[in-house]
Amino acid sequence: MNIVFYCLDLETNGLNNLYHEICELSIVRATDKMQLTRQVRVDKVENSSLDALRIIKKSMNDLKSGISKHQLISDFEKFVNEDSLTPEHRCIIGHNIINFDKKFLWRLWELHNKQFPFTLYLDTMHLIRAFCKKNGILKPKTNLQSACDIVGVKKVAGEHNASSDTQNCYLLWKKLMETVDFLEHIKRIPHSNREIEY
């Protein structure tokens, strides 16, 4: 079975997928390294976590600009559907994607009566932990920047920026593929309403 891999990163205005929103999304298709990045308008700016805004270096006013979530889904699906594949033949890669990004993505797609067009997931946080265990690295920091440093990835500048974080995730995945059996870490997680509770 041929699988097309995509790397993705989100920025959000908080940690609770039922209360906070996606404000930035970027995705890279591994086959041709094409990247789609969108700033997304937050509907309820007043719900924002000040800690989250500090981390992503955005102001309340910044959250008021960008495309609508409806347009984000349209742009995203147009980009992904260029591969002419089904969700079963697509694998989305992200750093902590299974425990964080997936919940925001599923919630957003469901609010628009859709299902997220990926069934396969690969979390680079799981891969870096496997790499560290294999190499006897004890109690490593596993955030994206630290993971890149551990394996010697020359990072793209711009921490907590969806565009650069997606590129760094891609570089991290490519590097880890050299030493970790990443295929065994791919999880099949069909979109399910039961999964989006925070």
N, C-alpha and C. Protein backbone atom coordinates (compact mmCIF):
# COMPACT_ATOMS: atom_id res chain seq x y z
N MET A 1 0.85 -1.20 0.00
CA MET A 1 0.00 0.00 0.00
C MET A 1 0.88 1.24 0.00
N ASN A 2 0.66 2.13 -0.96
CA ASN A 2 1.39 3.38 -1.01
C ASN A 2 0.74 4.39 -0.06
N ILE A 3 1.59 5.04 0.74
CA ILE A 3 1.12 6.05 1.69
C ILE A 3 1.81 7.37 1.37
N VAL A 4 1.06 8.44 1.35
CA VAL A 4 1.65 9.77 1.21
C VAL A 4 1.72 10.40 2.59
N PHE A 5 2.89 10.94 2.91
CA PHE A 5 3.12 11.53 4.22
C PHE A 5 3.02 13.06 4.16
N TYR A 6 2.43 13.61 5.20
CA TYR A 6 2.30 15.05 5.37
C TYR A 6 2.78 15.42 6.77
N CYS A 7 3.46 16.54 6.91
CA CYS A 7 3.80 17.07 8.23
C CYS A 7 2.93 18.29 8.52
N LEU A 8 2.49 18.41 9.76
CA LEU A 8 1.56 19.48 10.13
C LEU A 8 1.91 20.08 11.48
N ASP A 9 1.63 21.37 11.61
CA ASP A 9 1.72 22.02 12.91
C ASP A 9 0.61 23.05 13.03
N LEU A 10 0.11 23.19 14.26
CA LEU A 10 -0.91 24.19 14.57
C LEU A 10 -0.38 25.16 15.61
N GLU A 11 -0.92 26.37 15.59
CA GLU A 11 -0.82 27.27 16.74
C GLU A 11 -2.26 27.53 17.18
N THR A 12 -2.47 27.56 18.48
CA THR A 12 -3.81 27.78 19.03
C THR A 12 -3.76 28.86 20.10
N ASN A 13 -4.91 29.40 20.45
CA ASN A 13 -4.96 30.45 21.47
C ASN A 13 -5.21 29.88 22.86
N GLY A 14 -4.90 28.60 23.05
CA GLY A 14 -5.05 27.94 24.34
C GLY A 14 -4.94 26.44 24.16
N LEU A 15 -5.08 25.70 25.25
CA LEU A 15 -4.84 24.26 25.23
C LEU A 15 -6.10 23.40 25.18
N ASN A 16 -7.27 24.00 25.41
CA ASN A 16 -8.52 23.24 25.48
C ASN A 16 -9.23 23.28 24.14
N ASN A 17 -9.33 22.12 23.46
CA ASN A 17 -9.90 22.11 22.12
C ASN A 17 -11.41 22.38 22.09
N LEU A 18 -12.07 22.35 23.24
CA LEU A 18 -13.49 22.68 23.29
C LEU A 18 -13.74 24.17 23.54
N TYR A 19 -12.68 24.88 23.89
CA TYR A 19 -12.82 26.27 24.34
C TYR A 19 -11.94 27.22 23.52
N HIS A 20 -10.81 26.71 23.08
CA HIS A 20 -9.86 27.51 22.31
C HIS A 20 -9.89 27.13 20.84
N GLU A 21 -9.16 27.88 20.03
CA GLU A 21 -9.28 27.74 18.58
C GLU A 21 -7.92 27.72 17.88
N ILE A 22 -7.91 27.15 16.69
CA ILE A 22 -6.73 27.19 15.83
C ILE A 22 -6.58 28.61 15.28
N CYS A 23 -5.38 29.17 15.39
CA CYS A 23 -5.15 30.50 14.82
C CYS A 23 -4.10 30.47 13.70
N GLU A 24 -3.45 29.34 13.54
CA GLU A 24 -2.46 29.20 12.46
C GLU A 24 -2.29 27.72 12.16
N LEU A 25 -2.19 27.39 10.88
CA LEU A 25 -2.00 26.00 10.46
C LEU A 25 -1.03 25.97 9.30
N SER A 26 -0.15 24.96 9.32
CA SER A 26 0.75 24.77 8.19
C SER A 26 0.90 23.27 7.94
N ILE A 27 0.98 22.89 6.67
CA ILE A 27 1.12 21.49 6.30
C ILE A 27 2.09 21.38 5.12
N VAL A 28 2.98 20.38 5.18
CA VAL A 28 3.94 20.11 4.12
C VAL A 28 3.69 18.70 3.59
N ARG A 29 3.60 18.58 2.27
CA ARG A 29 3.48 17.26 1.64
C ARG A 29 4.89 16.74 1.36
N ALA A 30 5.19 15.56 1.88
CA ALA A 30 6.57 15.05 1.81
C ALA A 30 7.01 14.73 0.38
N THR A 31 6.08 14.32 -0.48
CA THR A 31 6.47 13.88 -1.82
C THR A 31 7.08 15.00 -2.66
N ASP A 32 6.56 16.22 -2.52
CA ASP A 32 7.07 17.32 -3.34
C ASP A 32 7.49 18.54 -2.51
N LYS A 33 7.40 18.42 -1.18
CA LYS A 33 7.78 19.47 -0.24
C LYS A 33 6.96 20.76 -0.43
N MET A 34 5.79 20.63 -1.04
CA MET A 34 4.90 21.79 -1.14
C MET A 34 4.31 22.07 0.23
N GLN A 35 4.16 23.35 0.56
CA GLN A 35 3.67 23.74 1.88
C GLN A 35 2.51 24.70 1.75
N LEU A 36 1.51 24.48 2.59
CA LEU A 36 0.36 25.38 2.69
C LEU A 36 0.34 25.93 4.11
N THR A 37 0.29 27.26 4.25
CA THR A 37 0.25 27.89 5.56
C THR A 37 -0.88 28.92 5.57
N ARG A 38 -1.68 28.92 6.62
CA ARG A 38 -2.79 29.85 6.72
C ARG A 38 -2.90 30.43 8.12
N GLN A 39 -3.11 31.76 8.18
CA GLN A 39 -3.49 32.43 9.42
C GLN A 39 -5.01 32.34 9.51
N VAL A 40 -5.52 31.99 10.68
CA VAL A 40 -6.95 31.73 10.84
C VAL A 40 -7.55 32.70 11.86
N ARG A 41 -8.64 33.30 11.50
CA ARG A 41 -9.32 34.26 12.38
C ARG A 41 -9.97 33.52 13.56
N VAL A 42 -9.71 34.02 14.76
CA VAL A 42 -10.31 33.45 15.97
C VAL A 42 -11.66 34.10 16.20
N ASP A 43 -12.69 33.29 16.43
CA ASP A 43 -14.04 33.81 16.59
C ASP A 43 -14.28 34.41 17.97
N LYS A 44 -13.72 33.77 19.00
CA LYS A 44 -13.91 34.24 20.37
C LYS A 44 -12.56 34.58 20.99
N VAL A 45 -12.07 35.74 20.58
CA VAL A 45 -10.75 36.20 21.04
C VAL A 45 -10.70 36.30 22.55
N GLU A 46 -11.83 36.65 23.15
CA GLU A 46 -11.88 36.85 24.60
C GLU A 46 -11.61 35.57 25.39
N ASN A 47 -11.70 34.42 24.76
CA ASN A 47 -11.42 33.15 25.43
C ASN A 47 -9.93 32.80 25.46
N SER A 48 -9.11 33.62 24.83
CA SER A 48 -7.69 33.30 24.67
C SER A 48 -6.97 33.21 26.00
N SER A 49 -6.01 32.29 26.05
CA SER A 49 -5.12 32.16 27.19
C SER A 49 -3.95 33.12 26.99
N LEU A 50 -3.70 33.97 27.97
CA LEU A 50 -2.60 34.92 27.85
C LEU A 50 -1.25 34.20 27.79
N ASP A 51 -1.15 33.08 28.49
CA ASP A 51 0.08 32.29 28.43
C ASP A 51 0.30 31.76 27.01
N ALA A 52 -0.76 31.29 26.37
CA ALA A 52 -0.64 30.78 25.00
C ALA A 52 -0.24 31.89 24.05
N LEU A 53 -0.83 33.07 24.20
CA LEU A 53 -0.49 34.20 23.33
C LEU A 53 0.98 34.60 23.49
N ARG A 54 1.46 34.53 24.71
CA ARG A 54 2.86 34.86 24.97
C ARG A 54 3.78 33.87 24.25
N ILE A 55 3.41 32.61 24.29
CA ILE A 55 4.23 31.56 23.66
C ILE A 55 4.25 31.72 22.14
N ILE A 56 3.09 31.97 21.54
CA ILE A 56 3.03 32.06 20.08
C ILE A 56 3.29 33.47 19.57
N LYS A 57 3.55 34.40 20.51
CA LYS A 57 3.92 35.78 20.17
C LYS A 57 2.85 36.46 19.32
N LYS A 58 1.61 36.36 19.79
CA LYS A 58 0.50 37.02 19.11
C LYS A 58 -0.28 37.86 20.11
N SER A 59 -0.85 38.94 19.62
CA SER A 59 -1.71 39.80 20.44
C SER A 59 -3.17 39.45 20.18
N MET A 60 -4.04 40.00 21.00
CA MET A 60 -5.47 39.81 20.77
C MET A 60 -5.86 40.33 19.39
N ASN A 61 -5.29 41.46 18.99
CA ASN A 61 -5.59 42.02 17.67
C ASN A 61 -5.12 41.11 16.54
N ASP A 62 -3.96 40.46 16.74
CA ASP A 62 -3.47 39.53 15.72
C ASP A 62 -4.48 38.42 15.44
N LEU A 63 -5.18 37.99 16.49
CA LEU A 63 -6.12 36.87 16.35
C LEU A 63 -7.36 37.25 15.54
N LYS A 64 -7.59 38.54 15.38
CA LYS A 64 -8.77 39.00 14.65
C LYS A 64 -8.58 39.00 13.14
N SER A 65 -7.35 38.77 12.69
CA SER A 65 -7.09 38.76 11.24
C SER A 65 -6.86 37.32 10.77
N GLY A 66 -7.01 37.12 9.48
CA GLY A 66 -6.84 35.79 8.91
C GLY A 66 -8.10 35.33 8.20
N ILE A 67 -8.03 34.13 7.65
CA ILE A 67 -9.17 33.60 6.92
C ILE A 67 -10.16 32.94 7.89
N SER A 68 -11.36 32.69 7.41
CA SER A 68 -12.36 32.00 8.23
C SER A 68 -12.00 30.52 8.35
N LYS A 69 -12.57 29.87 9.32
CA LYS A 69 -12.33 28.44 9.49
C LYS A 69 -12.92 27.65 8.32
N HIS A 70 -14.03 28.11 7.80
CA HIS A 70 -14.62 27.47 6.62
C HIS A 70 -13.64 27.52 5.45
N GLN A 71 -12.99 28.67 5.26
CA GLN A 71 -12.01 28.81 4.18
C GLN A 71 -10.77 27.97 4.44
N LEU A 72 -10.37 27.87 5.70
CA LEU A 72 -9.23 27.02 6.06
C LEU A 72 -9.49 25.57 5.64
N ILE A 73 -10.66 25.06 6.00
CA ILE A 73 -10.99 23.68 5.65
C ILE A 73 -11.00 23.50 4.13
N SER A 74 -11.57 24.47 3.43
CA SER A 74 -11.63 24.40 1.97
C SER A 74 -10.23 24.39 1.37
N ASP A 75 -9.36 25.29 1.81
CA ASP A 75 -7.98 25.36 1.31
C ASP A 75 -7.21 24.09 1.64
N PHE A 76 -7.38 23.61 2.88
CA PHE A 76 -6.69 22.42 3.35
C PHE A 76 -7.10 21.20 2.52
N GLU A 77 -8.39 21.01 2.33
CA GLU A 77 -8.87 19.84 1.61
C GLU A 77 -8.50 19.90 0.13
N LYS A 78 -8.50 21.09 -0.44
CA LYS A 78 -8.06 21.23 -1.84
C LYS A 78 -6.60 20.82 -1.97
N PHE A 79 -5.78 21.26 -1.04
CA PHE A 79 -4.34 20.93 -1.05
C PHE A 79 -4.13 19.43 -0.89
N VAL A 80 -4.78 18.84 0.09
CA VAL A 80 -4.61 17.42 0.37
C VAL A 80 -5.17 16.56 -0.76
N ASN A 81 -6.29 16.94 -1.32
CA ASN A 81 -6.93 16.13 -2.35
C ASN A 81 -6.18 16.11 -3.67
N GLU A 82 -5.13 16.91 -3.77
CA GLU A 82 -4.28 16.86 -4.96
C GLU A 82 -3.63 15.48 -5.12
N ASP A 83 -3.53 14.72 -4.02
CA ASP A 83 -2.92 13.39 -4.10
C ASP A 83 -3.89 12.33 -4.62
N SER A 84 -5.17 12.66 -4.74
CA SER A 84 -6.20 11.73 -5.26
C SER A 84 -6.29 10.43 -4.46
N LEU A 85 -5.96 10.48 -3.18
CA LEU A 85 -5.99 9.30 -2.33
C LEU A 85 -7.13 9.38 -1.32
N THR A 86 -7.36 8.25 -0.64
CA THR A 86 -8.35 8.22 0.43
C THR A 86 -7.64 8.51 1.76
N PRO A 87 -8.39 8.83 2.81
CA PRO A 87 -7.78 9.03 4.13
C PRO A 87 -6.95 7.84 4.60
N GLU A 88 -7.30 6.64 4.17
CA GLU A 88 -6.56 5.43 4.57
C GLU A 88 -5.16 5.37 3.97
N HIS A 89 -4.91 6.17 2.94
CA HIS A 89 -3.61 6.17 2.27
C HIS A 89 -2.80 7.42 2.57
N ARG A 90 -3.24 8.16 3.58
CA ARG A 90 -2.52 9.37 3.98
C ARG A 90 -2.08 9.25 5.43
N CYS A 91 -0.85 9.65 5.70
CA CYS A 91 -0.36 9.66 7.08
C CYS A 91 0.07 11.08 7.43
N ILE A 92 -0.47 11.58 8.51
CA ILE A 92 -0.11 12.93 8.95
C ILE A 92 0.86 12.84 10.12
N ILE A 93 1.92 13.61 10.03
CA ILE A 93 3.01 13.59 11.00
C ILE A 93 3.01 14.90 11.75
N GLY A 94 3.21 14.83 13.06
CA GLY A 94 3.31 16.04 13.86
C GLY A 94 3.97 15.74 15.19
N HIS A 95 4.43 16.79 15.85
CA HIS A 95 5.07 16.63 17.15
C HIS A 95 4.02 16.80 18.23
N ASN A 96 3.66 15.69 18.86
CA ASN A 96 2.56 15.62 19.82
C ASN A 96 1.19 15.72 19.12
N ILE A 97 1.15 15.26 17.89
CA ILE A 97 -0.08 15.39 17.09
C ILE A 97 -1.22 14.55 17.64
N ILE A 98 -0.91 13.37 18.20
CA ILE A 98 -1.98 12.48 18.64
C ILE A 98 -2.68 13.03 19.89
N ASN A 99 -1.92 13.58 20.81
CA ASN A 99 -2.52 14.08 22.05
C ASN A 99 -2.98 15.53 21.98
N PHE A 100 -2.52 16.28 20.98
CA PHE A 100 -2.88 17.71 20.94
C PHE A 100 -3.54 18.11 19.62
N ASP A 101 -2.76 18.17 18.55
CA ASP A 101 -3.27 18.72 17.29
C ASP A 101 -4.52 17.99 16.79
N LYS A 102 -4.52 16.66 16.90
CA LYS A 102 -5.64 15.88 16.38
C LYS A 102 -6.97 16.31 17.00
N LYS A 103 -6.95 16.62 18.29
CA LYS A 103 -8.19 17.00 18.97
C LYS A 103 -8.75 18.31 18.40
N PHE A 104 -7.87 19.27 18.14
CA PHE A 104 -8.31 20.54 17.55
C PHE A 104 -8.80 20.34 16.12
N LEU A 105 -8.09 19.52 15.36
CA LEU A 105 -8.47 19.29 13.97
C LEU A 105 -9.82 18.59 13.87
N TRP A 106 -9.98 17.53 14.65
CA TRP A 106 -11.25 16.80 14.61
C TRP A 106 -12.41 17.68 15.05
N ARG A 107 -12.19 18.46 16.08
CA ARG A 107 -13.25 19.35 16.59
C ARG A 107 -13.66 20.35 15.51
N LEU A 108 -12.67 20.95 14.83
CA LEU A 108 -12.97 21.93 13.80
C LEU A 108 -13.73 21.29 12.64
N TRP A 109 -13.25 20.15 12.17
CA TRP A 109 -13.93 19.51 11.04
C TRP A 109 -15.36 19.09 11.43
N GLU A 110 -15.53 18.61 12.63
CA GLU A 110 -16.88 18.21 13.06
C GLU A 110 -17.83 19.39 13.14
N LEU A 111 -17.33 20.53 13.57
CA LEU A 111 -18.18 21.72 13.65
C LEU A 111 -18.68 22.14 12.27
N HIS A 112 -18.00 21.65 11.23
CA HIS A 112 -18.43 21.93 9.85
C HIS A 112 -18.99 20.68 9.18
N ASN A 113 -19.44 19.73 10.02
CA ASN A 113 -20.10 18.50 9.55
C ASN A 113 -19.24 17.70 8.58
N LYS A 114 -17.95 17.64 8.89
CA LYS A 114 -17.01 16.91 8.06
C LYS A 114 -16.17 15.98 8.92
N GLN A 115 -15.47 15.08 8.25
CA GLN A 115 -14.49 14.23 8.93
C GLN A 115 -13.11 14.58 8.42
N PHE A 116 -12.16 14.62 9.33
CA PHE A 116 -10.79 14.98 8.97
C PHE A 116 -10.24 13.95 7.99
N PRO A 117 -9.63 14.40 6.87
CA PRO A 117 -9.30 13.48 5.77
C PRO A 117 -8.00 12.69 5.93
N PHE A 118 -7.69 12.27 7.15
CA PHE A 118 -6.54 11.41 7.43
C PHE A 118 -6.97 10.32 8.40
N THR A 119 -6.47 9.11 8.17
CA THR A 119 -6.71 8.00 9.09
C THR A 119 -5.43 7.57 9.80
N LEU A 120 -4.27 7.81 9.18
CA LEU A 120 -2.99 7.37 9.73
C LEU A 120 -2.26 8.54 10.38
N TYR A 121 -1.67 8.28 11.55
CA TYR A 121 -0.97 9.31 12.32
C TYR A 121 0.40 8.81 12.75
N LEU A 122 1.38 9.71 12.69
CA LEU A 122 2.73 9.40 13.16
C LEU A 122 3.21 10.56 14.01
N ASP A 123 3.50 10.27 15.27
CA ASP A 123 3.89 11.32 16.22
C ASP A 123 5.40 11.31 16.38
N THR A 124 6.06 12.40 16.00
CA THR A 124 7.52 12.47 16.12
C THR A 124 7.97 12.50 17.58
N MET A 125 7.07 12.84 18.49
CA MET A 125 7.43 12.76 19.91
C MET A 125 7.66 11.30 20.31
N HIS A 126 6.87 10.39 19.75
CA HIS A 126 7.07 8.97 20.01
C HIS A 126 8.38 8.50 19.39
N LEU A 127 8.70 9.03 18.21
CA LEU A 127 9.93 8.63 17.53
C LEU A 127 11.17 9.09 18.29
N ILE A 128 11.15 10.32 18.80
CA ILE A 128 12.34 10.81 19.51
C ILE A 128 12.53 10.05 20.81
N ARG A 129 11.44 9.64 21.44
CA ARG A 129 11.56 8.83 22.66
C ARG A 129 12.17 7.47 22.34
N ALA A 130 11.77 6.88 21.21
CA ALA A 130 12.34 5.60 20.80
C ALA A 130 13.82 5.77 20.47
N PHE A 131 14.17 6.86 19.83
CA PHE A 131 15.58 7.15 19.51
C PHE A 131 16.41 7.29 20.78
N CYS A 132 15.89 8.03 21.74
CA CYS A 132 16.62 8.26 22.99
C CYS A 132 16.79 6.95 23.77
N LYS A 133 15.75 6.14 23.80
CA LYS A 133 15.85 4.85 24.49
C LYS A 133 16.89 3.96 23.83
N LYS A 134 16.89 3.94 22.51
CA LYS A 134 17.84 3.13 21.75
C LYS A 134 19.28 3.58 21.99
N ASN A 135 19.46 4.89 22.21
CA ASN A 135 20.80 5.45 22.35
C ASN A 135 21.19 5.76 23.80
N GLY A 136 20.38 5.29 24.75
CA GLY A 136 20.71 5.46 26.16
C GLY A 136 20.68 6.89 26.66
N ILE A 137 19.85 7.72 26.03
CA ILE A 137 19.72 9.11 26.48
C ILE A 137 18.62 9.16 27.53
N LEU A 138 18.99 9.47 28.76
CA LEU A 138 18.05 9.43 29.87
C LEU A 138 17.36 10.77 30.08
N LYS A 139 16.07 10.72 30.36
CA LYS A 139 15.25 11.89 30.67
C LYS A 139 15.48 13.05 29.69
N PRO A 140 15.33 12.80 28.40
CA PRO A 140 15.54 13.88 27.43
C PRO A 140 14.37 14.86 27.40
N LYS A 141 14.66 16.08 27.04
CA LYS A 141 13.58 17.03 26.73
C LYS A 141 13.07 16.64 25.35
N THR A 142 11.75 16.54 25.21
CA THR A 142 11.22 16.03 23.94
C THR A 142 10.39 17.07 23.18
N ASN A 143 10.47 18.36 23.55
CA ASN A 143 9.79 19.35 22.72
C ASN A 143 10.48 19.39 21.35
N LEU A 144 9.85 20.02 20.38
CA LEU A 144 10.34 19.97 19.01
C LEU A 144 11.75 20.51 18.87
N GLN A 145 12.02 21.66 19.48
CA GLN A 145 13.35 22.26 19.36
C GLN A 145 14.42 21.35 19.96
N SER A 146 14.15 20.81 21.14
CA SER A 146 15.11 19.93 21.81
C SER A 146 15.30 18.64 21.02
N ALA A 147 14.21 18.10 20.47
CA ALA A 147 14.30 16.87 19.68
C ALA A 147 15.20 17.07 18.46
N CYS A 148 15.05 18.22 17.81
CA CYS A 148 15.91 18.53 16.66
C CYS A 148 17.37 18.61 17.09
N ASP A 149 17.62 19.21 18.24
CA ASP A 149 18.99 19.33 18.74
C ASP A 149 19.58 17.95 19.04
N ILE A 150 18.78 17.08 19.63
CA ILE A 150 19.26 15.74 20.00
C ILE A 150 19.78 14.97 18.79
N VAL A 151 19.08 15.07 17.66
CA VAL A 151 19.47 14.29 16.48
C VAL A 151 20.31 15.09 15.50
N GLY A 152 20.61 16.36 15.84
CA GLY A 152 21.49 17.16 15.00
C GLY A 152 20.84 17.78 13.78
N VAL A 153 19.55 18.08 13.88
CA VAL A 153 18.86 18.74 12.78
C VAL A 153 19.18 20.23 12.80
N LYS A 154 19.55 20.77 11.65
CA LYS A 154 19.77 22.21 11.53
C LYS A 154 18.39 22.86 11.37
N LYS A 155 17.95 23.53 12.42
CA LYS A 155 16.56 24.00 12.48
C LYS A 155 16.33 25.25 11.62
N VAL A 156 15.10 25.33 11.11
CA VAL A 156 14.60 26.55 10.49
C VAL A 156 14.24 27.51 11.61
N ALA A 157 14.61 28.78 11.49
CA ALA A 157 14.34 29.76 12.55
C ALA A 157 12.84 30.02 12.68
N GLY A 158 12.40 30.29 13.93
CA GLY A 158 11.01 30.68 14.15
C GLY A 158 10.23 29.71 15.01
N GLU A 159 10.62 29.57 16.27
CA GLU A 159 9.92 28.67 17.19
C GLU A 159 8.50 29.15 17.46
N HIS A 160 7.57 28.21 17.58
CA HIS A 160 6.14 28.48 17.80
C HIS A 160 5.55 29.34 16.69
N ASN A 161 5.97 29.01 15.50
CA ASN A 161 5.42 29.56 14.27
C ASN A 161 5.06 28.34 13.43
N ALA A 162 3.80 28.24 13.01
CA ALA A 162 3.34 27.01 12.36
C ALA A 162 4.16 26.67 11.12
N SER A 163 4.52 27.66 10.34
CA SER A 163 5.26 27.41 9.11
C SER A 163 6.64 26.80 9.39
N SER A 164 7.42 27.43 10.26
CA SER A 164 8.76 26.93 10.55
C SER A 164 8.72 25.66 11.39
N ASP A 165 7.77 25.55 12.32
CA ASP A 165 7.66 24.33 13.12
C ASP A 165 7.30 23.12 12.25
N THR A 166 6.49 23.34 11.22
CA THR A 166 6.16 22.25 10.31
C THR A 166 7.39 21.81 9.53
N GLN A 167 8.17 22.78 9.08
CA GLN A 167 9.41 22.44 8.37
C GLN A 167 10.38 21.70 9.28
N ASN A 168 10.48 22.13 10.54
CA ASN A 168 11.38 21.46 11.49
C ASN A 168 10.89 20.05 11.81
N CYS A 169 9.58 19.89 11.89
CA CYS A 169 9.02 18.56 12.12
C CYS A 169 9.35 17.64 10.94
N TYR A 170 9.24 18.16 9.74
CA TYR A 170 9.60 17.39 8.55
C TYR A 170 11.07 16.97 8.60
N LEU A 171 11.96 17.91 8.93
CA LEU A 171 13.40 17.62 9.00
C LEU A 171 13.70 16.60 10.10
N LEU A 172 13.00 16.72 11.23
CA LEU A 172 13.18 15.78 12.33
C LEU A 172 12.75 14.38 11.91
N TRP A 173 11.59 14.27 11.28
CA TRP A 173 11.08 12.98 10.81
C TRP A 173 12.06 12.34 9.82
N LYS A 174 12.55 13.12 8.85
CA LYS A 174 13.49 12.59 7.86
C LYS A 174 14.75 12.05 8.53
N LYS A 175 15.24 12.77 9.54
CA LYS A 175 16.45 12.35 10.24
C LYS A 175 16.19 11.09 11.07
N LEU A 176 15.06 11.06 11.77
CA LEU A 176 14.75 9.90 12.61
C LEU A 176 14.50 8.64 11.80
N MET A 177 14.02 8.79 10.57
CA MET A 177 13.79 7.64 9.70
C MET A 177 15.06 6.85 9.46
N GLU A 178 16.21 7.51 9.60
CA GLU A 178 17.49 6.84 9.35
C GLU A 178 17.82 5.80 10.42
N THR A 179 17.30 5.99 11.64
CA THR A 179 17.71 5.12 12.75
C THR A 179 16.56 4.47 13.51
N VAL A 180 15.34 4.94 13.31
CA VAL A 180 14.19 4.40 14.04
C VAL A 180 13.22 3.78 13.04
N ASP A 181 12.69 2.61 13.38
CA ASP A 181 11.70 1.97 12.53
C ASP A 181 10.37 2.72 12.70
N PHE A 182 10.21 3.76 11.89
CA PHE A 182 9.06 4.64 12.08
C PHE A 182 7.74 3.98 11.70
N LEU A 183 7.79 2.97 10.83
CA LEU A 183 6.55 2.34 10.38
C LEU A 183 5.78 1.70 11.54
N GLU A 184 6.51 1.17 12.52
CA GLU A 184 5.82 0.53 13.65
C GLU A 184 5.15 1.55 14.56
N HIS A 185 5.47 2.83 14.37
CA HIS A 185 4.87 3.88 15.20
C HIS A 185 3.66 4.54 14.54
N ILE A 186 3.34 4.14 13.32
CA ILE A 186 2.16 4.69 12.65
C ILE A 186 0.91 4.12 13.31
N LYS A 187 -0.01 4.99 13.68
CA LYS A 187 -1.26 4.59 14.32
C LYS A 187 -2.43 4.83 13.37
N ARG A 188 -3.29 3.85 13.29
CA ARG A 188 -4.52 4.01 12.50
C ARG A 188 -5.61 4.50 13.45
N ILE A 189 -6.06 5.75 13.26
CA ILE A 189 -7.05 6.34 14.15
C ILE A 189 -8.15 6.99 13.29
N PRO A 190 -9.14 6.19 12.88
CA PRO A 190 -10.23 6.78 12.09
C PRO A 190 -10.96 7.85 12.91
N HIS A 191 -11.43 8.87 12.24
CA HIS A 191 -12.14 9.97 12.90
C HIS A 191 -13.35 9.44 13.66
N SER A 192 -13.42 9.78 14.94
CA SER A 192 -14.51 9.31 15.78
C SER A 192 -14.92 10.41 16.74
N ASN A 193 -16.21 10.59 16.92
CA ASN A 193 -16.71 11.61 17.86
C ASN A 193 -16.19 11.38 19.27
N ARG A 194 -15.97 10.14 19.63
CA ARG A 194 -15.55 9.82 21.00
C ARG A 194 -14.16 10.35 21.32
N GLU A 195 -13.39 10.66 20.29
CA GLU A 195 -11.98 11.01 20.50
C GLU A 195 -11.76 12.50 20.79
N ILE A 196 -12.75 13.35 20.55
CA ILE A 196 -12.44 14.77 20.62
C ILE A 196 -12.60 15.39 21.99
N GLU A 197 -13.07 14.65 22.96
CA GLU A 197 -13.18 15.22 24.31
C GLU A 197 -11.81 15.56 24.84
N TYR A 198 -11.70 16.72 25.44
CA TYR A 198 -10.40 17.16 25.93
C TYR A 198 -10.09 16.48 27.26
